[in-house]
């Protein structure tokens, strides 16, 4: 019986689409690479991205850092995050492969640099690289992070988009009224994942239910 169940599970697995259960489509989504000197933000602009960073700066400059004299609270995930205001407002993007017609979920955590005070804002945009069509356009704002006591009060963003091509771009842009180094949105733990189709979930659920009923009947026999 155990062998037959294992075989049945293997058959079910072959029926599932390739995208179910896949990891993050993005590279370095939590900004843990490269490792920066503790307490010292790494600032860079377009063309100056360090090896292993995987993201590109589009405009202005950004900071890559963990807790430092300007931001005392911990990142949302891991030990590093990105500040979209480096020395001034900046923007950051990554291109990634997608499947035409596939729906994807986008999640990320965001906070604000509390040193200056006020409201920090940013736009998040997803576009198809071939057509330049906009797949998702949204904005976030934050003003409740504090250094005393250290509390990021991180907020988790969640959205969805449907790919219209095989190459897609995710772009974060600082839109804060302040153009200073202390007026930016912090971003961390950025994830893009395929959304399983309802029929796929139903297939897996019915298959597992059928195996359970079959096992129960055998035990009763």
Protein backbone atom coordinates (compact mmCIF):
# COMPACT_ATOMS: atom_id res chain seq x y z
CA UNK A 1 0.00 0.00 0.00
CA UNK A 2 2.78 2.45 0.91
CA UNK A 3 4.43 1.81 -2.44
CA UNK A 4 1.21 2.49 -4.35
CA UNK A 5 0.67 5.76 -2.49
CA UNK A 6 4.19 6.90 -3.28
CA UNK A 7 3.70 6.03 -6.94
CA UNK A 8 0.40 7.93 -6.99
CA UNK A 9 2.02 10.98 -5.43
CA UNK A 10 4.75 10.87 -8.05
CA UNK A 11 2.14 10.78 -10.81
CA UNK A 12 0.36 13.77 -9.28
CA UNK A 13 3.64 15.67 -9.14
CA UNK A 14 4.17 15.18 -12.88
CA UNK A 15 0.72 16.66 -13.54
CA UNK A 16 1.48 19.87 -11.66
CA UNK A 17 2.64 22.87 -13.72
CA UNK A 18 6.33 23.65 -13.52
CA UNK A 19 5.75 26.93 -11.67
CA UNK A 20 4.02 25.62 -8.54
CA UNK A 21 6.15 25.89 -5.44
CA UNK A 22 9.02 27.66 -7.16
CA UNK A 23 11.34 29.93 -5.22
CA UNK A 24 11.72 33.68 -5.64
CA UNK A 25 12.02 34.73 -9.30
CA UNK A 26 14.29 37.58 -8.16
CA UNK A 27 17.94 37.39 -7.17
CA UNK A 28 19.15 38.89 -3.88
CA UNK A 29 15.61 39.87 -2.88
CA UNK A 30 16.65 40.48 0.72
CA UNK A 31 19.75 42.49 -0.27
CA UNK A 32 22.14 40.28 1.68
CA UNK A 33 24.82 40.45 -1.01
CA UNK A 34 27.38 41.86 -0.96
CA UNK A 35 28.02 42.00 2.77
CA UNK A 36 28.70 45.60 3.82
CA UNK A 37 30.79 46.82 6.73
CA UNK A 38 28.57 46.77 9.87
CA UNK A 39 27.41 50.25 10.80
CA UNK A 40 28.55 51.80 7.51
CA UNK A 41 26.07 52.18 4.60
CA UNK A 42 27.35 51.43 1.10
CA UNK A 43 26.25 54.20 -1.29
CA UNK A 44 26.29 53.80 -5.07
CA UNK A 45 24.65 55.06 -8.26
CA UNK A 46 24.07 53.69 -11.78
CA UNK A 47 27.14 51.84 -13.03
CA UNK A 48 28.60 51.55 -9.56
CA UNK A 49 26.62 48.55 -8.35
CA UNK A 50 28.87 46.13 -6.45
CA UNK A 51 29.40 42.54 -7.57
CA UNK A 52 26.68 40.19 -6.37
CA UNK A 53 24.10 42.93 -5.83
CA UNK A 54 22.03 41.79 -8.86
CA UNK A 55 19.88 44.98 -8.89
CA UNK A 56 20.53 48.07 -11.03
CA UNK A 57 20.27 51.72 -10.03
CA UNK A 58 18.24 53.67 -12.59
CA UNK A 59 18.41 57.22 -11.20
CA UNK A 60 20.07 59.01 -8.30
CA UNK A 61 21.74 56.75 -5.75
CA UNK A 62 20.81 54.32 -2.98
CA UNK A 63 22.23 52.96 0.27
CA UNK A 64 22.77 49.28 1.09
CA UNK A 65 23.12 48.79 4.84
CA UNK A 66 22.18 47.09 8.05
CA UNK A 67 21.63 48.98 11.32
CA UNK A 68 23.86 52.08 11.40
CA UNK A 69 24.13 55.44 13.22
CA UNK A 70 21.29 56.83 11.06
CA UNK A 71 18.91 53.84 11.16
CA UNK A 72 19.11 51.90 14.40
CA UNK A 73 16.39 49.28 13.90
CA UNK A 74 16.90 45.86 12.28
CA UNK A 75 15.99 45.01 8.68
CA UNK A 76 12.80 43.05 8.06
CA UNK A 77 14.70 39.99 6.86
CA UNK A 78 18.34 39.10 7.30
CA UNK A 79 20.85 41.80 8.21
CA UNK A 80 20.67 44.28 5.29
CA UNK A 81 18.08 46.40 3.48
CA UNK A 82 18.02 49.16 0.84
CA UNK A 83 17.35 52.86 1.45
CA UNK A 84 15.93 54.41 -1.74
CA UNK A 85 17.39 57.79 -0.73
CA UNK A 86 21.16 57.48 -0.76
CA UNK A 87 22.56 60.98 -0.83
CA UNK A 88 19.45 61.94 -2.80
CA UNK A 89 16.32 60.27 -4.21
CA UNK A 90 17.09 57.13 -6.18
CA UNK A 91 15.45 54.27 -8.06
CA UNK A 92 16.26 50.59 -8.28
CA UNK A 93 15.22 47.83 -10.69
CA UNK A 94 15.69 44.18 -11.59
CA UNK A 95 14.71 42.36 -14.80
CA UNK A 96 13.54 38.76 -14.50
CA UNK A 97 12.13 35.97 -16.65
CA UNK A 98 8.37 35.40 -16.74
CA UNK A 99 5.90 33.10 -18.46
CA UNK A 100 3.37 34.67 -20.82
CA UNK A 101 -0.10 34.69 -19.21
CA UNK A 102 1.16 33.56 -15.79
CA UNK A 103 -0.05 35.49 -12.76
CA UNK A 104 2.59 36.44 -10.18
CA UNK A 105 2.51 37.73 -6.63
CA UNK A 106 4.78 40.56 -5.51
CA UNK A 107 5.54 41.07 -1.84
CA UNK A 108 8.05 43.27 -0.04
CA UNK A 109 8.51 44.95 3.32
CA UNK A 110 8.99 48.70 3.68
CA UNK A 111 9.79 51.22 6.40
CA UNK A 112 11.18 54.77 6.49
CA UNK A 113 14.36 56.52 7.52
CA UNK A 114 13.31 58.15 10.81
CA UNK A 115 16.23 60.55 11.16
CA UNK A 116 14.53 63.44 9.34
CA UNK A 117 10.91 62.73 10.27
CA UNK A 118 7.89 63.30 8.06
CA UNK A 119 6.41 61.01 5.43
CA UNK A 120 8.58 59.02 3.03
CA UNK A 121 7.05 57.70 -0.19
CA UNK A 122 7.95 55.47 -3.15
CA UNK A 123 6.41 54.11 -6.33
CA UNK A 124 6.54 50.45 -7.31
CA UNK A 125 6.10 49.60 -10.99
CA UNK A 126 6.11 46.34 -12.95
CA UNK A 127 6.44 46.59 -16.74
CA UNK A 128 6.80 44.25 -19.70
CA UNK A 129 10.21 44.88 -21.24
CA UNK A 130 9.21 44.24 -24.86
CA UNK A 131 6.03 46.33 -25.02
CA UNK A 132 6.80 48.69 -22.11
CA UNK A 133 3.25 48.00 -20.97
CA UNK A 134 2.51 48.60 -17.30
CA UNK A 135 1.48 45.46 -15.42
CA UNK A 136 1.35 46.97 -11.93
CA UNK A 137 1.67 50.55 -10.66
CA UNK A 138 1.31 51.42 -7.00
CA UNK A 139 2.70 53.66 -4.30
CA UNK A 140 3.63 53.25 -0.65
CA UNK A 141 4.16 55.72 2.18
CA UNK A 142 5.59 55.35 5.68
CA UNK A 143 6.24 57.64 8.64
CA UNK A 144 6.19 55.50 11.78
CA UNK A 145 9.73 54.06 11.99
CA UNK A 146 11.67 55.27 15.05
CA UNK A 147 15.23 55.21 16.34
CA UNK A 148 14.26 55.74 19.97
CA UNK A 149 13.28 53.08 20.67
CA UNK A 150 14.61 51.28 17.55
CA UNK A 151 11.47 50.13 15.75
CA UNK A 152 11.12 49.79 11.99
CA UNK A 153 7.36 49.18 12.14
CA UNK A 154 7.83 47.36 8.85
CA UNK A 155 4.74 47.05 6.63
CA UNK A 156 4.30 44.12 4.21
CA UNK A 157 3.10 45.01 0.71
CA UNK A 158 1.28 42.46 -1.44
CA UNK A 159 0.14 42.76 -5.06
CA UNK A 160 -0.34 40.69 -8.20
CA UNK A 161 0.31 41.08 -11.92
CA UNK A 162 -0.02 38.95 -15.04
CA UNK A 163 2.97 38.65 -17.35
CA UNK A 164 2.44 39.64 -21.00
CA UNK A 165 5.88 38.52 -22.13
CA UNK A 166 8.95 36.57 -21.17
CA UNK A 167 10.96 39.41 -19.62
CA UNK A 168 9.63 41.77 -16.95
CA UNK A 169 11.03 44.65 -14.90
CA UNK A 170 10.35 45.54 -11.26
CA UNK A 171 11.19 49.16 -10.41
CA UNK A 172 11.23 50.98 -7.05
CA UNK A 173 11.41 54.79 -7.22
CA UNK A 174 11.75 57.19 -4.32
CA UNK A 175 9.08 59.90 -4.54
CA UNK A 176 9.67 61.43 -1.12
CA UNK A 177 9.24 65.18 -0.87
CA UNK A 178 12.66 65.25 0.78
CA UNK A 179 15.65 64.80 -1.52
CA UNK A 180 17.99 64.35 1.44
CA UNK A 181 19.81 61.23 2.61
CA UNK A 182 17.35 60.92 5.52
CA UNK A 183 14.07 61.11 3.63
CA UNK A 184 13.82 57.72 1.97
CA UNK A 185 11.75 54.56 2.01
CA UNK A 186 13.56 51.38 3.10
CA UNK A 187 12.84 48.19 1.14
CA UNK A 188 13.54 44.58 2.14
CA UNK A 189 12.55 40.97 1.44
CA UNK A 190 11.31 41.48 -2.13
CA UNK A 191 9.70 38.36 -3.57
CA UNK A 192 8.06 37.53 -6.91
CA UNK A 193 6.42 34.11 -7.18
CA UNK A 194 4.01 32.42 -9.62
CA UNK A 195 0.44 32.11 -8.36
CA UNK A 196 -0.82 28.50 -8.69
CA UNK A 197 -3.91 28.15 -10.84
CA UNK A 198 -7.09 27.15 -8.94
CA UNK A 199 -7.42 24.04 -11.09
CA UNK A 200 -3.94 22.95 -10.05
CA UNK A 201 -4.74 23.35 -6.36
CA UNK A 202 -8.02 21.47 -6.85
CA UNK A 203 -6.24 18.65 -8.69
CA UNK A 204 -3.69 18.23 -5.93
CA UNK A 205 -6.36 18.39 -3.21
CA UNK A 206 -8.64 15.84 -4.89
CA UNK A 207 -5.68 13.55 -5.53
CA UNK A 208 -4.58 13.58 -1.91
CA UNK A 209 -8.18 13.10 -0.75
CA UNK A 210 -8.55 10.11 -3.05
CA UNK A 211 -5.39 8.55 -1.65
CA UNK A 212 -6.67 9.08 1.88
CA UNK A 213 -10.04 7.44 1.15
CA UNK A 214 -8.31 4.54 -0.57
CA UNK A 215 -6.05 3.97 2.41
CA UNK A 216 -8.99 4.15 4.82
CA UNK A 217 -10.95 1.57 2.82
CA UNK A 218 -7.99 -0.81 2.80
CA UNK A 219 -7.61 -0.54 6.55
CA UNK A 220 -11.32 -1.27 6.94
CA UNK A 221 -11.16 -4.34 4.69
